[in-house]
């Protein structure tokens, strides 16, 4: 592949990634954010999964829209669960800040729940688009895989921080290279964890 071909390939992939990010934002707002975020994010991760599986000629809008409609109800069910747990954590953190002396024993419990919530959410979308499971199994497996993948979790957190720093210096990338870039990083690291677990199962 010559220099021009390499440049053209990189430029095309940058356009695809930017287009996917724009679709993610558009469909999140189409669902009034609250009802659009999880279906749009699930659709974005589905496109990234196809890319990672070497499906290069993905019809991005067609696949995104198809998945958005198909998974809208179920993914909003998960959104409701995560929002409820998130609200519970926020309420408890606020409560403990006011009454920390009286309820110190609850602080470690709340930290454990908060960390579990965060790492489960990091793995949720990759697990959702890679596996065919029953409803609550998606949350359970996301948590279990996250608990056995400390390196991948660390690298995901570094990816989030790196993207945050990039946005601070280049806010213009927000509509083009935020959600989709993070989805690529998280999917790549999740697939590493999936493969490692599958290899371990093969040795049992």
N, C-alpha and C. Protein backbone atom coordinates (compact mmCIF):
# COMPACT_ATOMS: atom_id res chain seq x y z
N UNK A 1 0.85 -1.20 0.00
CA UNK A 1 0.00 0.00 0.00
C UNK A 1 0.89 1.24 0.00
N UNK A 2 0.70 2.12 -0.97
CA UNK A 2 1.49 3.33 -1.08
C UNK A 2 1.10 4.37 -0.06
N UNK A 3 1.89 5.46 0.00
CA UNK A 3 1.63 6.52 0.96
C UNK A 3 0.27 7.15 0.79
N UNK A 4 -0.13 7.40 -0.48
CA UNK A 4 -1.44 8.01 -0.73
C UNK A 4 -2.57 7.07 -0.33
N UNK A 5 -2.41 5.78 -0.59
CA UNK A 5 -3.44 4.80 -0.22
C UNK A 5 -3.60 4.74 1.30
N UNK A 6 -2.48 4.79 2.01
CA UNK A 6 -2.54 4.78 3.48
C UNK A 6 -3.27 6.01 3.99
N UNK A 7 -2.91 7.16 3.43
CA UNK A 7 -3.57 8.41 3.83
C UNK A 7 -5.06 8.34 3.55
N UNK A 8 -5.42 7.83 2.39
CA UNK A 8 -6.83 7.73 2.00
C UNK A 8 -7.59 6.80 2.94
N UNK A 9 -6.95 5.66 3.30
CA UNK A 9 -7.59 4.71 4.22
C UNK A 9 -7.81 5.34 5.59
N UNK A 10 -6.78 6.03 6.10
CA UNK A 10 -6.90 6.69 7.41
C UNK A 10 -7.99 7.76 7.37
N UNK A 11 -8.02 8.54 6.30
CA UNK A 11 -9.02 9.61 6.16
C UNK A 11 -10.43 9.03 6.12
N UNK A 12 -10.61 7.92 5.40
CA UNK A 12 -11.92 7.29 5.30
C UNK A 12 -12.39 6.78 6.66
N UNK A 13 -11.46 6.17 7.43
CA UNK A 13 -11.83 5.67 8.75
C UNK A 13 -12.15 6.82 9.71
N UNK A 14 -11.43 7.92 9.59
CA UNK A 14 -11.73 9.08 10.42
C UNK A 14 -13.12 9.62 10.10
N UNK A 15 -13.48 9.63 8.83
CA UNK A 15 -14.81 10.08 8.43
C UNK A 15 -15.89 9.14 8.99
N UNK A 16 -15.63 7.83 8.92
CA UNK A 16 -16.59 6.85 9.44
C UNK A 16 -16.78 7.02 10.94
N UNK A 17 -15.67 7.20 11.65
CA UNK A 17 -15.74 7.36 13.11
C UNK A 17 -16.47 8.64 13.47
N UNK A 18 -16.18 9.72 12.74
CA UNK A 18 -16.87 11.00 12.99
C UNK A 18 -18.37 10.88 12.68
N UNK A 19 -18.70 10.20 11.59
CA UNK A 19 -20.10 10.01 11.20
C UNK A 19 -20.85 9.21 12.27
N UNK A 20 -20.21 8.16 12.78
CA UNK A 20 -20.83 7.35 13.83
C UNK A 20 -21.06 8.19 15.08
N UNK A 21 -20.13 9.05 15.41
CA UNK A 21 -20.29 9.91 16.59
C UNK A 21 -21.46 10.88 16.41
N UNK A 22 -21.59 11.43 15.20
CA UNK A 22 -22.70 12.33 14.92
C UNK A 22 -24.04 11.61 15.03
N UNK A 23 -24.10 10.38 14.54
CA UNK A 23 -25.33 9.59 14.66
C UNK A 23 -25.66 9.32 16.12
N UNK A 24 -24.63 9.01 16.90
CA UNK A 24 -24.82 8.75 18.34
C UNK A 24 -25.45 9.98 19.02
N UNK A 25 -24.91 11.15 18.73
CA UNK A 25 -25.45 12.39 19.33
C UNK A 25 -26.87 12.65 18.83
N UNK A 26 -27.07 12.53 17.52
CA UNK A 26 -28.38 12.80 16.92
C UNK A 26 -29.46 11.90 17.51
N UNK A 27 -29.20 10.60 17.58
CA UNK A 27 -30.23 9.67 18.06
C UNK A 27 -30.39 9.73 19.58
N UNK A 28 -29.35 10.16 20.29
CA UNK A 28 -29.51 10.41 21.72
C UNK A 28 -30.51 11.53 21.94
N UNK A 29 -30.40 12.61 21.16
CA UNK A 29 -31.32 13.73 21.29
C UNK A 29 -32.69 13.40 20.71
N UNK A 30 -32.71 12.50 19.70
CA UNK A 30 -34.00 12.07 19.14
C UNK A 30 -34.85 11.41 20.22
N UNK A 31 -34.21 10.70 21.11
CA UNK A 31 -34.91 10.07 22.23
C UNK A 31 -34.98 10.96 23.45
N UNK A 32 -34.83 12.27 23.25
CA UNK A 32 -34.90 13.26 24.34
C UNK A 32 -33.86 12.97 25.43
N UNK A 33 -32.72 12.50 25.03
CA UNK A 33 -31.55 12.18 25.87
C UNK A 33 -31.84 11.02 26.80
N UNK A 34 -32.82 11.18 27.68
CA UNK A 34 -33.11 10.14 28.68
C UNK A 34 -33.49 8.82 28.01
N UNK A 35 -34.34 8.89 26.99
CA UNK A 35 -34.79 7.67 26.31
C UNK A 35 -33.92 7.32 25.10
N UNK A 36 -33.03 8.21 24.73
CA UNK A 36 -32.22 7.97 23.55
C UNK A 36 -30.81 7.50 23.83
N UNK A 37 -30.29 7.82 25.03
CA UNK A 37 -28.87 7.56 25.30
C UNK A 37 -28.49 6.09 25.21
N UNK A 38 -29.23 5.22 25.88
CA UNK A 38 -28.86 3.79 25.88
C UNK A 38 -29.07 3.13 24.52
N UNK A 39 -30.22 3.35 23.84
CA UNK A 39 -30.36 2.77 22.49
C UNK A 39 -29.31 3.29 21.51
N UNK A 40 -29.00 4.59 21.57
CA UNK A 40 -28.00 5.16 20.67
C UNK A 40 -26.61 4.61 20.98
N UNK A 41 -26.29 4.47 22.26
CA UNK A 41 -24.98 3.94 22.65
C UNK A 41 -24.86 2.47 22.28
N UNK A 42 -25.94 1.71 22.49
CA UNK A 42 -25.93 0.30 22.09
C UNK A 42 -25.74 0.14 20.59
N UNK A 43 -26.38 1.00 19.81
CA UNK A 43 -26.24 0.96 18.36
C UNK A 43 -24.81 1.31 17.93
N UNK A 44 -24.22 2.29 18.60
CA UNK A 44 -22.84 2.67 18.30
C UNK A 44 -21.89 1.51 18.59
N UNK A 45 -22.06 0.85 19.72
CA UNK A 45 -21.20 -0.29 20.05
C UNK A 45 -21.42 -1.46 19.09
N UNK A 46 -22.62 -1.61 18.58
CA UNK A 46 -22.89 -2.67 17.60
C UNK A 46 -22.12 -2.42 16.30
N UNK A 47 -22.08 -1.17 15.86
CA UNK A 47 -21.31 -0.83 14.66
C UNK A 47 -19.82 -1.10 14.90
N UNK A 48 -19.33 -0.67 16.06
CA UNK A 48 -17.91 -0.88 16.40
C UNK A 48 -17.60 -2.37 16.47
N UNK A 49 -18.52 -3.15 17.02
CA UNK A 49 -18.32 -4.61 17.09
C UNK A 49 -18.14 -5.19 15.68
N UNK A 50 -18.98 -4.75 14.77
CA UNK A 50 -18.87 -5.23 13.39
C UNK A 50 -17.52 -4.84 12.78
N UNK A 51 -17.09 -3.61 13.04
CA UNK A 51 -15.78 -3.18 12.54
C UNK A 51 -14.66 -4.06 13.10
N UNK A 52 -14.74 -4.34 14.39
CA UNK A 52 -13.70 -5.15 15.04
C UNK A 52 -13.70 -6.59 14.52
N UNK A 53 -14.85 -7.02 14.02
CA UNK A 53 -14.96 -8.37 13.45
C UNK A 53 -14.67 -8.39 11.95
N UNK A 54 -13.99 -7.33 11.50
CA UNK A 54 -13.54 -7.23 10.10
C UNK A 54 -14.68 -7.06 9.10
N UNK A 55 -15.85 -6.62 9.55
CA UNK A 55 -16.95 -6.33 8.64
C UNK A 55 -16.77 -4.88 8.16
N UNK A 56 -15.98 -4.71 7.13
CA UNK A 56 -15.56 -3.38 6.70
C UNK A 56 -16.64 -2.60 5.95
N UNK A 57 -17.53 -3.29 5.27
CA UNK A 57 -18.52 -2.60 4.43
C UNK A 57 -19.86 -2.46 5.14
N UNK A 58 -19.81 -2.04 6.38
CA UNK A 58 -21.03 -1.87 7.16
C UNK A 58 -21.77 -0.62 6.68
N UNK A 59 -23.05 -0.78 6.42
CA UNK A 59 -23.90 0.38 6.07
C UNK A 59 -24.27 1.07 7.38
N UNK A 60 -23.51 2.07 7.72
CA UNK A 60 -23.53 2.62 9.08
C UNK A 60 -24.93 3.11 9.48
N UNK A 61 -25.52 3.99 8.68
CA UNK A 61 -26.84 4.52 9.07
C UNK A 61 -27.88 3.41 9.12
N UNK A 62 -27.90 2.53 8.12
CA UNK A 62 -28.88 1.44 8.07
C UNK A 62 -28.77 0.55 9.30
N UNK A 63 -27.54 0.14 9.63
CA UNK A 63 -27.34 -0.76 10.78
C UNK A 63 -27.65 -0.03 12.10
N UNK A 64 -27.26 1.23 12.18
CA UNK A 64 -27.51 2.01 13.39
C UNK A 64 -29.01 2.14 13.63
N UNK A 65 -29.74 2.56 12.61
CA UNK A 65 -31.18 2.76 12.74
C UNK A 65 -31.91 1.46 13.03
N UNK A 66 -31.50 0.38 12.36
CA UNK A 66 -32.12 -0.93 12.59
C UNK A 66 -31.95 -1.37 14.04
N UNK A 67 -30.72 -1.23 14.55
CA UNK A 67 -30.44 -1.65 15.92
C UNK A 67 -31.13 -0.74 16.93
N UNK A 68 -31.17 0.55 16.63
CA UNK A 68 -31.82 1.53 17.51
C UNK A 68 -33.29 1.17 17.73
N UNK A 69 -33.97 0.87 16.63
CA UNK A 69 -35.40 0.50 16.72
C UNK A 69 -35.58 -0.84 17.42
N UNK A 70 -34.76 -1.79 17.06
CA UNK A 70 -34.90 -3.15 17.60
C UNK A 70 -34.68 -3.20 19.10
N UNK A 71 -33.67 -2.46 19.59
CA UNK A 71 -33.27 -2.56 20.99
C UNK A 71 -33.80 -1.42 21.86
N UNK A 72 -34.65 -0.56 21.30
CA UNK A 72 -35.07 0.65 22.01
C UNK A 72 -35.72 0.33 23.36
N UNK A 73 -36.67 -0.58 23.36
CA UNK A 73 -37.41 -0.87 24.60
C UNK A 73 -36.51 -1.55 25.62
N UNK A 74 -35.79 -2.59 25.18
CA UNK A 74 -34.99 -3.36 26.14
C UNK A 74 -33.85 -2.52 26.72
N UNK A 75 -33.18 -1.74 25.87
CA UNK A 75 -32.08 -0.93 26.38
C UNK A 75 -32.57 0.19 27.29
N UNK A 76 -33.77 0.66 27.08
CA UNK A 76 -34.33 1.64 28.01
C UNK A 76 -34.70 0.99 29.34
N UNK A 77 -34.99 -0.31 29.31
CA UNK A 77 -35.18 -1.04 30.56
C UNK A 77 -33.89 -1.06 31.37
N UNK A 78 -32.77 -1.30 30.70
CA UNK A 78 -31.47 -1.25 31.39
C UNK A 78 -31.15 0.17 31.84
N UNK A 79 -31.52 1.16 31.01
CA UNK A 79 -31.28 2.55 31.38
C UNK A 79 -31.99 2.88 32.69
N UNK A 80 -33.21 2.39 32.82
CA UNK A 80 -33.99 2.63 34.03
C UNK A 80 -33.28 2.05 35.25
N UNK A 81 -32.72 0.85 35.10
CA UNK A 81 -32.00 0.21 36.21
C UNK A 81 -30.76 1.01 36.58
N UNK A 82 -29.95 1.37 35.59
CA UNK A 82 -28.72 2.10 35.87
C UNK A 82 -29.00 3.49 36.43
N UNK A 83 -30.04 4.14 35.93
CA UNK A 83 -30.40 5.47 36.45
C UNK A 83 -30.87 5.35 37.90
N UNK A 84 -31.68 4.33 38.20
CA UNK A 84 -32.18 4.13 39.56
C UNK A 84 -31.04 3.88 40.54
N UNK A 85 -30.11 3.00 40.14
CA UNK A 85 -28.95 2.72 41.01
C UNK A 85 -28.07 3.95 41.15
N UNK A 86 -27.89 4.68 40.04
CA UNK A 86 -27.10 5.90 40.09
C UNK A 86 -27.71 6.94 41.02
N UNK A 87 -29.04 7.06 40.95
CA UNK A 87 -29.72 8.00 41.86
C UNK A 87 -29.57 7.56 43.30
N UNK A 88 -29.68 6.25 43.56
CA UNK A 88 -29.50 5.71 44.91
C UNK A 88 -28.11 6.06 45.43
N UNK A 89 -27.08 5.89 44.59
CA UNK A 89 -25.71 6.21 45.00
C UNK A 89 -25.55 7.69 45.29
N UNK A 90 -26.10 8.52 44.40
CA UNK A 90 -26.02 9.97 44.59
C UNK A 90 -26.70 10.39 45.89
N UNK A 91 -27.87 9.84 46.15
CA UNK A 91 -28.61 10.17 47.37
C UNK A 91 -27.82 9.74 48.60
N UNK A 92 -27.25 8.53 48.57
CA UNK A 92 -26.51 8.02 49.73
C UNK A 92 -25.22 8.79 49.97
N UNK A 93 -24.53 9.16 48.87
CA UNK A 93 -23.30 9.95 49.02
C UNK A 93 -23.63 11.30 49.66
N UNK A 94 -24.70 11.94 49.20
CA UNK A 94 -25.13 13.22 49.76
C UNK A 94 -25.50 13.07 51.23
N UNK A 95 -26.21 11.99 51.54
CA UNK A 95 -26.63 11.72 52.92
C UNK A 95 -25.42 11.52 53.83
N UNK A 96 -24.43 10.74 53.36
CA UNK A 96 -23.24 10.45 54.17
C UNK A 96 -22.35 11.68 54.34
N UNK A 97 -22.35 12.56 53.36
CA UNK A 97 -21.58 13.81 53.50
C UNK A 97 -22.13 14.65 54.64
N UNK A 98 -23.43 14.59 54.84
CA UNK A 98 -24.08 15.37 55.89
C UNK A 98 -23.97 14.66 57.23
N UNK A 99 -24.04 13.31 57.21
CA UNK A 99 -24.06 12.53 58.45
C UNK A 99 -22.91 11.54 58.51
N UNK A 100 -21.73 11.96 58.08
CA UNK A 100 -20.60 11.02 57.98
C UNK A 100 -20.21 10.42 59.33
N UNK A 101 -20.30 11.19 60.39
CA UNK A 101 -19.88 10.68 61.70
C UNK A 101 -20.74 9.55 62.21
N UNK A 102 -22.02 9.64 61.96
CA UNK A 102 -22.96 8.64 62.49
C UNK A 102 -22.99 7.36 61.66
N UNK A 103 -22.60 7.43 60.40
CA UNK A 103 -22.73 6.27 59.51
C UNK A 103 -21.41 5.90 58.83
N UNK A 104 -20.30 6.02 59.56
CA UNK A 104 -18.98 5.74 58.98
C UNK A 104 -18.86 4.31 58.47
N UNK A 105 -19.53 3.38 59.13
CA UNK A 105 -19.43 1.98 58.73
C UNK A 105 -20.02 1.73 57.34
N UNK A 106 -20.89 2.63 56.89
CA UNK A 106 -21.51 2.45 55.58
C UNK A 106 -20.63 2.95 54.43
N UNK A 107 -19.61 3.74 54.75
CA UNK A 107 -18.77 4.32 53.68
C UNK A 107 -18.08 3.24 52.83
N UNK A 108 -17.42 2.23 53.43
CA UNK A 108 -16.80 1.18 52.59
C UNK A 108 -17.81 0.45 51.72
N UNK A 109 -19.00 0.21 52.26
CA UNK A 109 -20.05 -0.47 51.49
C UNK A 109 -20.45 0.36 50.29
N UNK A 110 -20.61 1.66 50.54
CA UNK A 110 -21.02 2.56 49.45
C UNK A 110 -19.92 2.67 48.39
N UNK A 111 -18.66 2.68 48.82
CA UNK A 111 -17.54 2.72 47.87
C UNK A 111 -17.54 1.48 47.01
N UNK A 112 -17.77 0.32 47.62
CA UNK A 112 -17.81 -0.94 46.87
C UNK A 112 -18.94 -0.93 45.85
N UNK A 113 -20.12 -0.47 46.27
CA UNK A 113 -21.26 -0.41 45.35
C UNK A 113 -20.98 0.56 44.21
N UNK A 114 -20.37 1.71 44.53
CA UNK A 114 -20.07 2.71 43.52
C UNK A 114 -19.06 2.21 42.49
N UNK A 115 -18.01 1.55 42.96
CA UNK A 115 -16.99 1.00 42.05
C UNK A 115 -17.60 -0.11 41.19
N UNK A 116 -18.40 -0.97 41.82
CA UNK A 116 -19.06 -2.06 41.09
C UNK A 116 -19.98 -1.50 40.00
N UNK A 117 -20.70 -0.45 40.34
CA UNK A 117 -21.60 0.21 39.37
C UNK A 117 -20.80 0.73 38.18
N UNK A 118 -19.71 1.40 38.45
CA UNK A 118 -18.90 2.02 37.39
C UNK A 118 -18.29 0.98 36.46
N UNK A 119 -17.67 -0.06 37.02
CA UNK A 119 -17.00 -1.05 36.17
C UNK A 119 -18.01 -1.91 35.42
N UNK A 120 -19.18 -2.14 36.03
CA UNK A 120 -20.23 -2.88 35.33
C UNK A 120 -20.73 -2.09 34.12
N UNK A 121 -20.88 -0.78 34.30
CA UNK A 121 -21.32 0.08 33.20
C UNK A 121 -20.29 0.13 32.08
N UNK A 122 -18.99 0.11 32.43
CA UNK A 122 -17.95 0.11 31.41
C UNK A 122 -18.05 -1.12 30.49
N UNK A 123 -18.37 -2.26 31.08
CA UNK A 123 -18.41 -3.50 30.31
C UNK A 123 -19.80 -3.80 29.75
N UNK A 124 -20.82 -3.07 30.19
CA UNK A 124 -22.19 -3.45 29.83
C UNK A 124 -22.43 -3.47 28.33
N UNK A 125 -22.09 -2.40 27.62
CA UNK A 125 -22.41 -2.33 26.19
C UNK A 125 -21.62 -3.35 25.36
N UNK A 126 -20.31 -3.54 25.62
CA UNK A 126 -19.61 -4.61 24.89
C UNK A 126 -20.23 -5.98 25.13
N UNK A 127 -20.61 -6.27 26.38
CA UNK A 127 -21.25 -7.56 26.68
C UNK A 127 -22.59 -7.64 25.96
N UNK A 128 -23.33 -6.54 25.95
CA UNK A 128 -24.67 -6.55 25.35
C UNK A 128 -24.63 -6.86 23.86
N UNK A 129 -23.66 -6.30 23.15
CA UNK A 129 -23.63 -6.51 21.70
C UNK A 129 -22.85 -7.77 21.29
N UNK A 130 -22.09 -8.35 22.22
CA UNK A 130 -21.30 -9.54 21.87
C UNK A 130 -21.99 -10.85 22.22
N UNK A 131 -22.89 -10.82 23.21
CA UNK A 131 -23.47 -12.06 23.71
C UNK A 131 -25.00 -12.03 23.64
N UNK A 132 -25.58 -13.21 23.57
CA UNK A 132 -27.04 -13.35 23.57
C UNK A 132 -27.43 -13.97 24.91
N UNK A 133 -27.89 -13.14 25.84
CA UNK A 133 -28.16 -13.58 27.20
C UNK A 133 -29.58 -13.18 27.62
N UNK A 134 -30.02 -13.72 28.75
CA UNK A 134 -31.28 -13.28 29.33
C UNK A 134 -31.08 -11.90 29.95
N UNK A 135 -32.18 -11.22 30.21
CA UNK A 135 -32.15 -9.80 30.58
C UNK A 135 -31.13 -9.50 31.70
N UNK A 136 -31.32 -10.07 32.87
CA UNK A 136 -30.46 -9.72 34.00
C UNK A 136 -29.07 -10.35 33.90
N UNK A 137 -28.91 -11.34 33.02
CA UNK A 137 -27.60 -11.94 32.82
C UNK A 137 -26.60 -10.95 32.23
N UNK A 138 -27.10 -9.98 31.48
CA UNK A 138 -26.20 -8.98 30.90
C UNK A 138 -25.50 -8.18 32.00
N UNK A 139 -26.25 -7.79 33.02
CA UNK A 139 -25.67 -7.03 34.12
C UNK A 139 -24.74 -7.93 34.94
N UNK A 140 -25.19 -9.14 35.21
CA UNK A 140 -24.38 -10.07 36.01
C UNK A 140 -23.05 -10.37 35.32
N UNK A 141 -23.11 -10.70 34.03
CA UNK A 141 -21.88 -11.05 33.31
C UNK A 141 -20.97 -9.83 33.14
N UNK A 142 -21.54 -8.66 32.96
CA UNK A 142 -20.73 -7.44 32.87
C UNK A 142 -19.95 -7.24 34.16
N UNK A 143 -20.61 -7.45 35.29
CA UNK A 143 -19.96 -7.30 36.59
C UNK A 143 -18.87 -8.36 36.78
N UNK A 144 -19.18 -9.62 36.47
CA UNK A 144 -18.22 -10.71 36.69
C UNK A 144 -16.99 -10.55 35.79
N UNK A 145 -17.21 -10.19 34.54
CA UNK A 145 -16.07 -9.99 33.62
C UNK A 145 -15.22 -8.81 34.09
N UNK A 146 -15.88 -7.75 34.52
CA UNK A 146 -15.14 -6.57 35.00
C UNK A 146 -14.30 -6.92 36.23
N UNK A 147 -14.84 -7.73 37.12
CA UNK A 147 -14.13 -8.10 38.35
C UNK A 147 -12.89 -8.93 38.06
N UNK A 148 -12.88 -9.62 36.94
CA UNK A 148 -11.72 -10.46 36.59
C UNK A 148 -10.82 -9.79 35.55
N UNK A 149 -11.04 -8.50 35.31
CA UNK A 149 -10.28 -7.79 34.26
C UNK A 149 -9.71 -6.47 34.78
N UNK A 150 -8.88 -6.51 35.82
CA UNK A 150 -8.37 -5.25 36.38
C UNK A 150 -7.51 -4.44 35.41
N UNK A 151 -6.71 -5.13 34.58
CA UNK A 151 -5.87 -4.41 33.62
C UNK A 151 -6.72 -3.69 32.59
N UNK A 152 -7.72 -4.39 32.06
CA UNK A 152 -8.61 -3.76 31.07
C UNK A 152 -9.37 -2.59 31.68
N UNK A 153 -9.81 -2.74 32.94
CA UNK A 153 -10.51 -1.66 33.63
C UNK A 153 -9.59 -0.44 33.75
N UNK A 154 -8.34 -0.68 34.16
CA UNK A 154 -7.37 0.41 34.30
C UNK A 154 -7.15 1.12 32.96
N UNK A 155 -7.00 0.35 31.90
CA UNK A 155 -6.78 0.93 30.57
C UNK A 155 -8.00 1.69 30.07
N UNK A 156 -9.20 1.19 30.41
CA UNK A 156 -10.42 1.92 30.05
C UNK A 156 -10.48 3.27 30.76
N UNK A 157 -10.13 3.27 32.05
CA UNK A 157 -10.14 4.52 32.81
C UNK A 157 -9.12 5.50 32.23
N UNK A 158 -7.94 4.99 31.88
CA UNK A 158 -6.92 5.84 31.25
C UNK A 158 -7.45 6.41 29.93
N UNK A 159 -8.20 5.59 29.17
CA UNK A 159 -8.78 6.05 27.91
C UNK A 159 -9.78 7.18 28.14
N UNK A 160 -10.60 7.03 29.18
CA UNK A 160 -11.59 8.07 29.51
C UNK A 160 -10.88 9.36 29.89
N UNK A 161 -9.84 9.25 30.73
CA UNK A 161 -9.10 10.43 31.17
C UNK A 161 -8.40 11.10 29.98
N UNK A 162 -7.78 10.28 29.12
CA UNK A 162 -7.07 10.82 27.95
C UNK A 162 -8.04 11.57 27.03
N UNK A 163 -9.24 11.00 26.84
CA UNK A 163 -10.23 11.67 25.99
C UNK A 163 -10.70 12.97 26.63
N UNK A 164 -10.87 12.93 27.94
CA UNK A 164 -11.29 14.14 28.67
C UNK A 164 -10.25 15.26 28.51
N UNK A 165 -8.97 14.90 28.64
CA UNK A 165 -7.90 15.89 28.47
C UNK A 165 -7.90 16.43 27.03
N UNK A 166 -8.08 15.53 26.07
CA UNK A 166 -8.12 15.95 24.66
C UNK A 166 -9.25 16.93 24.41
N UNK A 167 -10.41 16.68 25.02
CA UNK A 167 -11.56 17.57 24.86
C UNK A 167 -11.30 18.94 25.49
N UNK A 168 -10.58 18.95 26.61
CA UNK A 168 -10.24 20.23 27.26
C UNK A 168 -9.40 21.11 26.33
N UNK A 169 -8.45 20.47 25.63
CA UNK A 169 -7.57 21.23 24.74
C UNK A 169 -8.17 21.44 23.34
N UNK A 170 -9.01 20.49 22.91
CA UNK A 170 -9.61 20.58 21.57
C UNK A 170 -11.12 20.35 21.67
N UNK A 171 -11.86 21.29 22.22
CA UNK A 171 -13.32 21.09 22.39
C UNK A 171 -14.06 20.87 21.08
N UNK A 172 -13.45 21.26 19.97
CA UNK A 172 -14.09 21.06 18.67
C UNK A 172 -14.26 19.60 18.28
N UNK A 173 -13.57 18.68 18.97
CA UNK A 173 -13.69 17.26 18.63
C UNK A 173 -14.93 16.63 19.25
N UNK A 174 -15.62 17.34 20.14
CA UNK A 174 -16.76 16.76 20.86
C UNK A 174 -17.80 16.16 19.92
N UNK A 175 -18.26 16.88 18.88
CA UNK A 175 -19.29 16.27 18.01
C UNK A 175 -18.76 15.19 17.07
N UNK A 176 -17.42 15.03 16.98
CA UNK A 176 -16.86 14.13 15.97
C UNK A 176 -16.12 12.93 16.55
N UNK A 177 -15.39 13.12 17.64
CA UNK A 177 -14.50 12.05 18.11
C UNK A 177 -14.53 11.89 19.62
N UNK A 178 -15.70 11.67 20.18
CA UNK A 178 -15.79 11.45 21.63
C UNK A 178 -16.39 10.07 21.92
N UNK A 179 -17.71 9.95 21.77
CA UNK A 179 -18.35 8.67 22.05
C UNK A 179 -17.84 7.54 21.20
N UNK A 180 -17.66 7.78 19.91
CA UNK A 180 -17.24 6.71 19.00
C UNK A 180 -15.81 6.26 19.28
N UNK A 181 -14.92 7.22 19.57
CA UNK A 181 -13.53 6.87 19.90
C UNK A 181 -13.48 6.07 21.19
N UNK A 182 -14.26 6.50 22.19
CA UNK A 182 -14.29 5.77 23.46
C UNK A 182 -14.88 4.37 23.27
N UNK A 183 -15.89 4.26 22.42
CA UNK A 183 -16.50 2.95 22.14
C UNK A 183 -15.49 2.01 21.50
N UNK A 184 -14.65 2.54 20.61
CA UNK A 184 -13.61 1.72 19.97
C UNK A 184 -12.60 1.23 21.01
N UNK A 185 -12.16 2.13 21.89
CA UNK A 185 -11.19 1.75 22.92
C UNK A 185 -11.78 0.72 23.87
N UNK A 186 -13.01 0.95 24.33
CA UNK A 186 -13.64 0.03 25.28
C UNK A 186 -13.92 -1.32 24.64
N UNK A 187 -14.36 -1.32 23.38
CA UNK A 187 -14.62 -2.58 22.68
C UNK A 187 -13.33 -3.37 22.50
N UNK A 188 -12.27 -2.70 22.10
CA UNK A 188 -10.97 -3.36 21.91
C UNK A 188 -10.51 -4.03 23.20
N UNK A 189 -10.60 -3.30 24.31
CA UNK A 189 -10.15 -3.82 25.61
C UNK A 189 -11.10 -4.92 26.10
N UNK A 190 -12.38 -4.76 25.85
CA UNK A 190 -13.35 -5.79 26.26
C UNK A 190 -13.11 -7.10 25.53
N UNK A 191 -12.81 -7.01 24.23
CA UNK A 191 -12.54 -8.21 23.46
C UNK A 191 -11.29 -8.93 23.99
N UNK A 192 -10.31 -8.18 24.47
CA UNK A 192 -9.14 -8.79 25.12
C UNK A 192 -9.58 -9.61 26.33
N UNK A 193 -10.46 -9.04 27.14
CA UNK A 193 -10.96 -9.73 28.33
C UNK A 193 -11.78 -10.95 27.93
N UNK A 194 -12.63 -10.82 26.91
CA UNK A 194 -13.45 -11.95 26.46
C UNK A 194 -12.56 -13.11 26.00
N UNK A 195 -11.54 -12.79 25.21
CA UNK A 195 -10.64 -13.83 24.68
C UNK A 195 -9.89 -14.52 25.81
N UNK A 196 -9.45 -13.74 26.80
CA UNK A 196 -8.72 -14.33 27.92
C UNK A 196 -9.61 -15.30 28.71
N UNK A 197 -10.85 -14.90 28.93
CA UNK A 197 -11.78 -15.76 29.67
C UNK A 197 -12.08 -17.02 28.88
N UNK A 198 -12.25 -16.87 27.57
CA UNK A 198 -12.52 -18.05 26.72
C UNK A 198 -11.34 -19.01 26.71
N UNK A 199 -10.10 -18.48 26.72
CA UNK A 199 -8.92 -19.34 26.77
C UNK A 199 -8.86 -20.10 28.09
N UNK A 200 -9.20 -19.41 29.19
CA UNK A 200 -9.20 -20.07 30.50
C UNK A 200 -10.24 -21.18 30.55
N UNK A 201 -11.41 -20.91 29.97
CA UNK A 201 -12.46 -21.94 29.94
C UNK A 201 -12.01 -23.14 29.13
N UNK A 202 -11.24 -22.89 28.08
CA UNK A 202 -10.74 -23.97 27.24
C UNK A 202 -9.76 -24.85 27.95
N UNK A 203 -9.10 -24.32 29.01
CA UNK A 203 -8.12 -25.10 29.76
C UNK A 203 -8.75 -25.90 30.88
N UNK A 204 -10.01 -25.58 31.21
CA UNK A 204 -10.68 -26.29 32.30
C UNK A 204 -11.10 -27.71 31.89
